[in-house]
Amino acid sequence: MMLPEVLSQSGQMSSTSPGIRATANTEVICKFLVSLSMDFSCYYNRVHILGEPLPHLFSRMFARLQLMKGVQSVLHSALKTLHIMPLTQI
């Protein structure tokens, strides 16, 4: 599932009672983050991101580094939505 879809599922507006009421289902975002983390962890354990420093493998290495940057960006965006600061180091 994509992050925008998860965010739209997590927030619901209700106007059945007087005034506007918003419900945030934060567990949807948390489940998405856990699933993304598990999937990326499996990938990371299976694939050597940096690999051998051979010229013909550079494009593959740079693509994998971009994937890591994309996953990091999604994780940070989702955590920011929950007002959680991501760790800078473990």
PDB file of N, CA and C in Angstrom:
ATOM      1  N   MET A   1       0.839  -1.171   0.000  1.00  0.00           N
ATOM      2  CA  MET A   1       0.000   0.000   0.000  1.00  0.00           C
ATOM      3  C   MET A   1       0.893   1.245   0.000  1.00  0.00           C
ATOM      4  N   MET A   2       0.447   2.276  -0.627  1.00  0.00           N
ATOM      5  CA  MET A   2       1.196   3.521  -0.715  1.00  0.00           C
ATOM      6  C   MET A   2       0.861   4.417   0.481  1.00  0.00           C
ATOM      7  N   LEU A   3       1.818   5.233   0.883  1.00  0.00           N
ATOM      8  CA  LEU A   3       1.643   6.103   2.051  1.00  0.00           C
ATOM      9  C   LEU A   3       0.431   7.027   1.923  1.00  0.00           C
ATOM     10  N   PRO A   4       0.181   7.686   0.783  1.00  0.00           N
ATOM     11  CA  PRO A   4      -1.008   8.547   0.718  1.00  0.00           C
ATOM     12  C   PRO A   4      -2.321   7.792   0.963  1.00  0.00           C
ATOM     13  N   GLU A   5      -2.403   6.548   0.484  1.00  0.00           N
ATOM     14  CA  GLU A   5      -3.598   5.742   0.729  1.00  0.00           C
ATOM     15  C   GLU A   5      -3.732   5.413   2.213  1.00  0.00           C
ATOM     16  N   VAL A   6      -2.627   5.094   2.849  1.00  0.00           N
ATOM     17  CA  VAL A   6      -2.635   4.782   4.276  1.00  0.00           C
ATOM     18  C   VAL A   6      -3.081   5.998   5.072  1.00  0.00           C
ATOM     19  N   LEU A   7      -2.554   7.166   4.713  1.00  0.00           N
ATOM     20  CA  LEU A   7      -2.925   8.389   5.430  1.00  0.00           C
ATOM     21  C   LEU A   7      -4.394   8.722   5.242  1.00  0.00           C
ATOM     22  N   SER A   8      -4.929   8.498   4.047  1.00  0.00           N
ATOM     23  CA  SER A   8      -6.348   8.790   3.831  1.00  0.00           C
ATOM     24  C   SER A   8      -7.233   7.806   4.590  1.00  0.00           C
ATOM     25  N   GLN A   9      -6.773   6.569   4.744  1.00  0.00           N
ATOM     26  CA  GLN A   9      -7.535   5.594   5.518  1.00  0.00           C
ATOM     27  C   GLN A   9      -7.468   5.871   7.015  1.00  0.00           C
ATOM     28  N   SER A  10      -6.393   6.495   7.453  1.00  0.00           N
ATOM     29  CA  SER A  10      -6.214   6.715   8.886  1.00  0.00           C
ATOM     30  C   SER A  10      -7.047   7.877   9.413  1.00  0.00           C
ATOM     31  N   GLY A  11      -7.438   8.795   8.568  1.00  0.00           N
ATOM     32  CA  GLY A  11      -8.221   9.941   9.006  1.00  0.00           C
ATOM     33  C   GLY A  11      -9.619   9.908   8.436  1.00  0.00           C
ATOM     34  N   GLN A  12     -10.596  10.085   9.305  1.00  0.00           N
ATOM     35  CA  GLN A  12     -11.994  10.082   8.875  1.00  0.00           C
ATOM     36  C   GLN A  12     -12.695  11.291   9.466  1.00  0.00           C
ATOM     37  N   MET A  13     -13.490  11.934   8.625  1.00  0.00           N
ATOM     38  CA  MET A  13     -14.263  13.082   9.087  1.00  0.00           C
ATOM     39  C   MET A  13     -15.714  12.649   9.257  1.00  0.00           C
ATOM     40  N   SER A  14     -16.347  13.124  10.313  1.00  0.00           N
ATOM     41  CA  SER A  14     -17.744  12.780  10.576  1.00  0.00           C
ATOM     42  C   SER A  14     -18.510  14.060  10.855  1.00  0.00           C
ATOM     43  N   SER A  15     -19.636  14.204  10.193  1.00  0.00           N
ATOM     44  CA  SER A  15     -20.476  15.378  10.431  1.00  0.00           C
ATOM     45  C   SER A  15     -21.875  14.942  10.837  1.00  0.00           C
ATOM     46  N   THR A  16     -22.019  13.758  11.435  1.00  0.00           N
ATOM     47  CA  THR A  16     -23.331  13.260  11.846  1.00  0.00           C
ATOM     48  C   THR A  16     -23.852  13.994  13.068  1.00  0.00           C
ATOM     49  N   SER A  17     -22.961  14.435  13.937  1.00  0.00           N
ATOM     50  CA  SER A  17     -23.368  15.195  15.111  1.00  0.00           C
ATOM     51  C   SER A  17     -23.057  16.669  14.866  1.00  0.00           C
ATOM     52  N   PRO A  18     -23.576  17.551  15.693  1.00  0.00           N
ATOM     53  CA  PRO A  18     -23.280  18.974  15.514  1.00  0.00           C
ATOM     54  C   PRO A  18     -21.776  19.231  15.552  1.00  0.00           C
ATOM     55  N   GLY A  19     -21.299  20.003  14.615  1.00  0.00           N
ATOM     56  CA  GLY A  19     -19.876  20.282  14.520  1.00  0.00           C
ATOM     57  C   GLY A  19     -19.178  19.224  13.674  1.00  0.00           C
ATOM     58  N   ILE A  20     -17.917  19.430  13.494  1.00  0.00           N
ATOM     59  CA  ILE A  20     -17.121  18.488  12.700  1.00  0.00           C
ATOM     60  C   ILE A  20     -16.258  17.676  13.654  1.00  0.00           C
ATOM     61  N   ARG A  21     -16.265  16.387  13.430  1.00  0.00           N
ATOM     62  CA  ARG A  21     -15.491  15.494  14.287  1.00  0.00           C
ATOM     63  C   ARG A  21     -14.522  14.697  13.425  1.00  0.00           C
ATOM     64  N   ALA A  22     -13.276  14.667  13.823  1.00  0.00           N
ATOM     65  CA  ALA A  22     -12.257  13.919  13.089  1.00  0.00           C
ATOM     66  C   ALA A  22     -11.786  12.747  13.942  1.00  0.00           C
ATOM     67  N   THR A  23     -11.652  11.608  13.296  1.00  0.00           N
ATOM     68  CA  THR A  23     -11.147  10.414  13.965  1.00  0.00           C
ATOM     69  C   THR A  23      -9.854  10.004  13.287  1.00  0.00           C
ATOM     70  N   ALA A  24      -8.821   9.809  14.086  1.00  0.00           N
ATOM     71  CA  ALA A  24      -7.531   9.385  13.535  1.00  0.00           C
ATOM     72  C   ALA A  24      -7.273   7.937  13.951  1.00  0.00           C
ATOM     73  N   ASN A  25      -7.166   7.079  12.974  1.00  0.00           N
ATOM     74  CA  ASN A  25      -6.850   5.674  13.226  1.00  0.00           C
ATOM     75  C   ASN A  25      -5.348   5.494  13.057  1.00  0.00           C
ATOM     76  N   THR A  26      -4.618   5.848  14.088  1.00  0.00           N
ATOM     77  CA  THR A  26      -3.163   5.812  14.000  1.00  0.00           C
ATOM     78  C   THR A  26      -2.612   4.403  13.852  1.00  0.00           C
ATOM     79  N   GLU A  27      -3.413   3.399  14.234  1.00  0.00           N
ATOM     80  CA  GLU A  27      -2.925   2.021  14.094  1.00  0.00           C
ATOM     81  C   GLU A  27      -2.724   1.642  12.635  1.00  0.00           C
ATOM     82  N   VAL A  28      -3.458   2.270  11.724  1.00  0.00           N
ATOM     83  CA  VAL A  28      -3.271   2.006  10.291  1.00  0.00           C
ATOM     84  C   VAL A  28      -1.875   2.435   9.861  1.00  0.00           C
ATOM     85  N   ILE A  29      -1.449   3.606  10.318  1.00  0.00           N
ATOM     86  CA  ILE A  29      -0.108   4.107   9.986  1.00  0.00           C
ATOM     87  C   ILE A  29       0.953   3.220  10.638  1.00  0.00           C
ATOM     88  N   CYS A  30       0.731   2.837  11.886  1.00  0.00           N
ATOM     89  CA  CYS A  30       1.704   1.990  12.587  1.00  0.00           C
ATOM     90  C   CYS A  30       1.851   0.631  11.909  1.00  0.00           C
ATOM     91  N   LYS A  31       0.739   0.028  11.500  1.00  0.00           N
ATOM     92  CA  LYS A  31       0.801  -1.261  10.805  1.00  0.00           C
ATOM     93  C   LYS A  31       1.545  -1.124   9.482  1.00  0.00           C
ATOM     94  N   PHE A  32       1.322  -0.017   8.773  1.00  0.00           N
ATOM     95  CA  PHE A  32       2.034   0.235   7.530  1.00  0.00           C
ATOM     96  C   PHE A  32       3.535   0.341   7.781  1.00  0.00           C
ATOM     97  N   LEU A  33       3.924   1.078   8.823  1.00  0.00           N
ATOM     98  CA  LEU A  33       5.342   1.241   9.136  1.00  0.00           C
ATOM     99  C   LEU A  33       6.000  -0.087   9.522  1.00  0.00           C
ATOM    100  N   VAL A  34       5.300  -0.897  10.283  1.00  0.00           N
ATOM    101  CA  VAL A  34       5.837  -2.206  10.660  1.00  0.00           C
ATOM    102  C   VAL A  34       6.009  -3.074   9.429  1.00  0.00           C
ATOM    103  N   SER A  35       5.009  -3.083   8.554  1.00  0.00           N
ATOM    104  CA  SER A  35       5.076  -3.890   7.334  1.00  0.00           C
ATOM    105  C   SER A  35       6.209  -3.422   6.424  1.00  0.00           C
ATOM    106  N   LEU A  36       6.335  -2.119   6.243  1.00  0.00           N
ATOM    107  CA  LEU A  36       7.415  -1.576   5.419  1.00  0.00           C
ATOM    108  C   LEU A  36       8.777  -1.922   6.006  1.00  0.00           C
ATOM    109  N   SER A  37       8.909  -1.789   7.315  1.00  0.00           N
ATOM    110  CA  SER A  37      10.176  -2.105   7.972  1.00  0.00           C
ATOM    111  C   SER A  37      10.534  -3.580   7.815  1.00  0.00           C
ATOM    112  N   MET A  38       9.552  -4.453   7.977  1.00  0.00           N
ATOM    113  CA  MET A  38       9.815  -5.885   7.839  1.00  0.00           C
ATOM    114  C   MET A  38      10.202  -6.240   6.406  1.00  0.00           C
ATOM    115  N   ASP A  39       9.491  -5.672   5.435  1.00  0.00           N
ATOM    116  CA  ASP A  39       9.806  -5.943   4.031  1.00  0.00           C
ATOM    117  C   ASP A  39      11.204  -5.451   3.670  1.00  0.00           C
ATOM    118  N   PHE A  40      11.524  -4.238   4.116  1.00  0.00           N
ATOM    119  CA  PHE A  40      12.847  -3.704   3.798  1.00  0.00           C
ATOM    120  C   PHE A  40      13.936  -4.483   4.518  1.00  0.00           C
ATOM    121  N   SER A  41      13.678  -4.928   5.739  1.00  0.00           N
ATOM    122  CA  SER A  41      14.655  -5.722   6.476  1.00  0.00           C
ATOM    123  C   SER A  41      14.943  -7.039   5.753  1.00  0.00           C
ATOM    124  N   CYS A  42      13.905  -7.687   5.244  1.00  0.00           N
ATOM    125  CA  CYS A  42      14.098  -8.928   4.472  1.00  0.00           C
ATOM    126  C   CYS A  42      14.943  -8.650   3.229  1.00  0.00           C
ATOM    127  N   TYR A  43      14.627  -7.558   2.542  1.00  0.00           N
ATOM    128  CA  TYR A  43      15.385  -7.189   1.347  1.00  0.00           C
ATOM    129  C   TYR A  43      16.839  -6.904   1.700  1.00  0.00           C
ATOM    130  N   TYR A  44      17.042  -6.131   2.759  1.00  0.00           N
ATOM    131  CA  TYR A  44      18.390  -5.725   3.169  1.00  0.00           C
ATOM    132  C   TYR A  44      19.236  -6.940   3.561  1.00  0.00           C
ATOM    133  N   ASN A  45      18.617  -7.925   4.220  1.00  0.00           N
ATOM    134  CA  ASN A  45      19.345  -9.130   4.623  1.00  0.00           C
ATOM    135  C   ASN A  45      19.664 -10.038   3.440  1.00  0.00           C
ATOM    136  N   ARG A  46      18.852  -9.949   2.393  1.00  0.00           N
ATOM    137  CA  ARG A  46      19.030 -10.813   1.225  1.00  0.00           C
ATOM    138  C   ARG A  46      19.962 -10.211   0.184  1.00  0.00           C
ATOM    139  N   VAL A  47      19.966  -8.892   0.057  1.00  0.00           N
ATOM    140  CA  VAL A  47      20.707  -8.207  -1.008  1.00  0.00           C
ATOM    141  C   VAL A  47      21.844  -7.391  -0.398  1.00  0.00           C
ATOM    142  N   HIS A  48      22.998  -7.470  -1.005  1.00  0.00           N
ATOM    143  CA  HIS A  48      24.130  -6.649  -0.568  1.00  0.00           C
ATOM    144  C   HIS A  48      23.999  -5.279  -1.227  1.00  0.00           C
ATOM    145  N   ILE A  49      23.659  -4.271  -0.421  1.00  0.00           N
ATOM    146  CA  ILE A  49      23.383  -2.931  -0.952  1.00  0.00           C
ATOM    147  C   ILE A  49      24.618  -2.346  -1.639  1.00  0.00           C
ATOM    148  N   LEU A  50      25.747  -2.369  -0.966  1.00  0.00           N
ATOM    149  CA  LEU A  50      26.950  -1.781  -1.554  1.00  0.00           C
ATOM    150  C   LEU A  50      27.652  -2.753  -2.486  1.00  0.00           C
ATOM    151  N   GLY A  51      27.700  -4.006  -2.154  1.00  0.00           N
ATOM    152  CA  GLY A  51      28.285  -5.007  -3.035  1.00  0.00           C
ATOM    153  C   GLY A  51      29.756  -4.765  -3.323  1.00  0.00           C
ATOM    154  N   GLU A  52      30.215  -5.367  -4.394  1.00  0.00           N
ATOM    155  CA  GLU A  52      31.608  -5.233  -4.816  1.00  0.00           C
ATOM    156  C   GLU A  52      31.805  -3.893  -5.520  1.00  0.00           C
ATOM    157  N   PRO A  53      32.940  -3.228  -5.287  1.00  0.00           N
ATOM    158  CA  PRO A  53      33.190  -1.934  -5.947  1.00  0.00           C
ATOM    159  C   PRO A  53      33.700  -2.106  -7.389  1.00  0.00           C
ATOM    160  N   LEU A  54      32.885  -2.762  -8.201  1.00  0.00           N
ATOM    161  CA  LEU A  54      33.253  -2.985  -9.596  1.00  0.00           C
ATOM    162  C   LEU A  54      32.475  -2.013 -10.482  1.00  0.00           C
ATOM    163  N   PRO A  55      33.114  -1.418 -11.476  1.00  0.00           N
ATOM    164  CA  PRO A  55      32.461  -0.393 -12.305  1.00  0.00           C
ATOM    165  C   PRO A  55      31.140  -0.849 -12.935  1.00  0.00           C
ATOM    166  N   HIS A  56      31.048  -2.097 -13.363  1.00  0.00           N
ATOM    167  CA  HIS A  56      29.818  -2.538 -14.008  1.00  0.00           C
ATOM    168  C   HIS A  56      28.670  -2.743 -13.012  1.00  0.00           C
ATOM    169  N   LEU A  57      28.935  -2.685 -11.710  1.00  0.00           N
ATOM    170  CA  LEU A  57      27.893  -2.827 -10.686  1.00  0.00           C
ATOM    171  C   LEU A  57      27.492  -1.496 -10.049  1.00  0.00           C
ATOM    172  N   PHE A  58      28.132  -0.394 -10.468  1.00  0.00           N
ATOM    173  CA  PHE A  58      27.847   0.901  -9.862  1.00  0.00           C
ATOM    174  C   PHE A  58      26.398   1.331 -10.031  1.00  0.00           C
ATOM    175  N   SER A  59      25.825   1.140 -11.205  1.00  0.00           N
ATOM    176  CA  SER A  59      24.439   1.579 -11.422  1.00  0.00           C
ATOM    177  C   SER A  59      23.479   0.818 -10.508  1.00  0.00           C
ATOM    178  N   ARG A  60      23.721  -0.466 -10.307  1.00  0.00           N
ATOM    179  CA  ARG A  60      22.884  -1.269  -9.409  1.00  0.00           C
ATOM    180  C   ARG A  60      23.039  -0.786  -7.964  1.00  0.00           C
ATOM    181  N   MET A  61      24.276  -0.486  -7.565  1.00  0.00           N
ATOM    182  CA  MET A  61      24.526  -0.006  -6.217  1.00  0.00           C
ATOM    183  C   MET A  61      23.835   1.339  -5.987  1.00  0.00           C
ATOM    184  N   PHE A  62      23.931   2.247  -6.958  1.00  0.00           N
ATOM    185  CA  PHE A  62      23.295   3.555  -6.806  1.00  0.00           C
ATOM    186  C   PHE A  62      21.772   3.433  -6.775  1.00  0.00           C
ATOM    187  N   ALA A  63      21.206   2.512  -7.537  1.00  0.00           N
ATOM    188  CA  ALA A  63      19.761   2.287  -7.510  1.00  0.00           C
ATOM    189  C   ALA A  63      19.332   1.771  -6.138  1.00  0.00           C
ATOM    190  N   ARG A  64      20.104   0.872  -5.570  1.00  0.00           N
ATOM    191  CA  ARG A  64      19.779   0.337  -4.239  1.00  0.00           C
ATOM    192  C   ARG A  64      19.912   1.414  -3.165  1.00  0.00           C
ATOM    193  N   LEU A  65      20.902   2.285  -3.307  1.00  0.00           N
ATOM    194  CA  LEU A  65      21.041   3.395  -2.363  1.00  0.00           C
ATOM    195  C   LEU A  65      19.855   4.358  -2.475  1.00  0.00           C
ATOM    196  N   GLN A  66      19.371   4.592  -3.696  1.00  0.00           N
ATOM    197  CA  GLN A  66      18.184   5.435  -3.886  1.00  0.00           C
ATOM    198  C   GLN A  66      16.953   4.796  -3.259  1.00  0.00           C
ATOM    199  N   LEU A  67      16.849   3.463  -3.362  1.00  0.00           N
ATOM    200  CA  LEU A  67      15.748   2.756  -2.704  1.00  0.00           C
ATOM    201  C   LEU A  67      15.810   2.975  -1.198  1.00  0.00           C
ATOM    202  N   MET A  68      17.002   2.869  -0.624  1.00  0.00           N
ATOM    203  CA  MET A  68      17.159   3.102   0.814  1.00  0.00           C
ATOM    204  C   MET A  68      16.739   4.522   1.186  1.00  0.00           C
ATOM    205  N   LYS A  69      17.131   5.485   0.366  1.00  0.00           N
ATOM    206  CA  LYS A  69      16.769   6.889   0.628  1.00  0.00           C
ATOM    207  C   LYS A  69      15.255   7.078   0.534  1.00  0.00           C
ATOM    208  N   GLY A  70      14.625   6.401  -0.424  1.00  0.00           N
ATOM    209  CA  GLY A  70      13.169   6.487  -0.566  1.00  0.00           C
ATOM    210  C   GLY A  70      12.437   5.887   0.622  1.00  0.00           C
ATOM    211  N   VAL A  71      12.902   4.736   1.083  1.00  0.00           N
ATOM    212  CA  VAL A  71      12.291   4.099   2.259  1.00  0.00           C
ATOM    213  C   VAL A  71      12.461   5.000   3.480  1.00  0.00           C
ATOM    214  N   GLN A  72      13.637   5.578   3.628  1.00  0.00           N
ATOM    215  CA  GLN A  72      13.876   6.497   4.740  1.00  0.00           C
ATOM    216  C   GLN A  72      12.922   7.692   4.675  1.00  0.00           C
ATOM    217  N   SER A  73      12.727   8.229   3.494  1.00  0.00           N
ATOM    218  CA  SER A  73      11.840   9.376   3.323  1.00  0.00           C
ATOM    219  C   SER A  73      10.396   9.025   3.699  1.00  0.00           C
ATOM    220  N   VAL A  74       9.936   7.860   3.270  1.00  0.00           N
ATOM    221  CA  VAL A  74       8.574   7.422   3.601  1.00  0.00           C
ATOM    222  C   VAL A  74       8.439   7.217   5.110  1.00  0.00           C
ATOM    223  N   LEU A  75       9.420   6.553   5.717  1.00  0.00           N
ATOM    224  CA  LEU A  75       9.380   6.332   7.164  1.00  0.00           C
ATOM    225  C   LEU A  75       9.355   7.661   7.917  1.00  0.00           C
ATOM    226  N   HIS A  76      10.199   8.601   7.531  1.00  0.00           N
ATOM    227  CA  HIS A  76      10.243   9.899   8.210  1.00  0.00           C
ATOM    228  C   HIS A  76       8.930  10.662   8.035  1.00  0.00           C
ATOM    229  N   SER A  77       8.347  10.607   6.844  1.00  0.00           N
ATOM    230  CA  SER A  77       7.071  11.295   6.606  1.00  0.00           C
ATOM    231  C   SER A  77       5.957  10.714   7.462  1.00  0.00           C
ATOM    232  N   ALA A  78       5.900   9.391   7.528  1.00  0.00           N
ATOM    233  CA  ALA A  78       4.851   8.746   8.325  1.00  0.00           C
ATOM    234  C   ALA A  78       5.051   9.028   9.811  1.00  0.00           C
ATOM    235  N   LEU A  79       6.289   8.976  10.276  1.00  0.00           N
ATOM    236  CA  LEU A  79       6.549   9.284  11.683  1.00  0.00           C
ATOM    237  C   LEU A  79       6.228  10.735  12.001  1.00  0.00           C
ATOM    238  N   LYS A  80       6.516  11.633  11.069  1.00  0.00           N
ATOM    239  CA  LYS A  80       6.203  13.053  11.261  1.00  0.00           C
ATOM    240  C   LYS A  80       4.698  13.258  11.396  1.00  0.00           C
ATOM    241  N   THR A  81       3.929  12.482  10.639  1.00  0.00           N
ATOM    242  CA  THR A  81       2.470  12.548  10.728  1.00  0.00           C
ATOM    243  C   THR A  81       2.002  12.201  12.136  1.00  0.00           C
ATOM    244  N   LEU A  82       2.708  11.274  12.775  1.00  0.00           N
ATOM    245  CA  LEU A  82       2.362  10.864  14.139  1.00  0.00           C
ATOM    246  C   LEU A  82       3.052  11.724  15.202  1.00  0.00           C
ATOM    247  N   HIS A  83       3.780  12.767  14.763  1.00  0.00           N
ATOM    248  CA  HIS A  83       4.534  13.658  15.656  1.00  0.00           C
ATOM    249  C   HIS A  83       5.587  12.885  16.441  1.00  0.00           C
ATOM    250  N   ILE A  84       6.277  11.976  15.746  1.00  0.00           N
ATOM    251  CA  ILE A  84       7.363  11.198  16.337  1.00  0.00           C
ATOM    252  C   ILE A  84       8.640  11.565  15.587  1.00  0.00           C
ATOM    253  N   MET A  85       9.668  11.917  16.346  1.00  0.00           N
ATOM    254  CA  MET A  85      10.945  12.249  15.739  1.00  0.00           C
ATOM    255  C   MET A  85      11.706  10.948  15.440  1.00  0.00           C
ATOM    256  N   PRO A  86      12.182  10.775  14.203  1.00  0.00           N
ATOM    257  CA  PRO A  86      12.948   9.559  13.888  1.00  0.00           C
ATOM    258  C   PRO A  86      14.321   9.587  14.567  1.00  0.00           C
ATOM    259  N   LEU A  87      14.837   8.401  14.837  1.00  0.00           N
ATOM    260  CA  LEU A  87      16.169   8.294  15.435  1.00  0.00           C
ATOM    261  C   LEU A  87      17.226   8.679  14.418  1.00  0.00           C
ATOM    262  N   THR A  88      18.276   9.322  14.886  1.00  0.00           N
ATOM    263  CA  THR A  88      19.387   9.659  13.995  1.00  0.00           C
ATOM    264  C   THR A  88      20.444   8.569  14.011  1.00  0.00           C
ATOM    265  N   GLN A  89      20.487   7.786  15.087  1.00  0.00           N
ATOM    266  CA  GLN A  89      21.412   6.657  15.164  1.00  0.00           C
ATOM    267  C   GLN A  89      20.882   5.658  16.178  1.00  0.00           C
ATOM    268  N   ILE A  90      21.359   4.434  16.072  1.00  0.00           N
ATOM    269  CA  ILE A  90      20.932   3.387  16.997  1.00  0.00           C
ATOM    270  C   ILE A  90      22.116   3.015  17.870  1.00  0.00           C
TER     271      ILE A  90
END
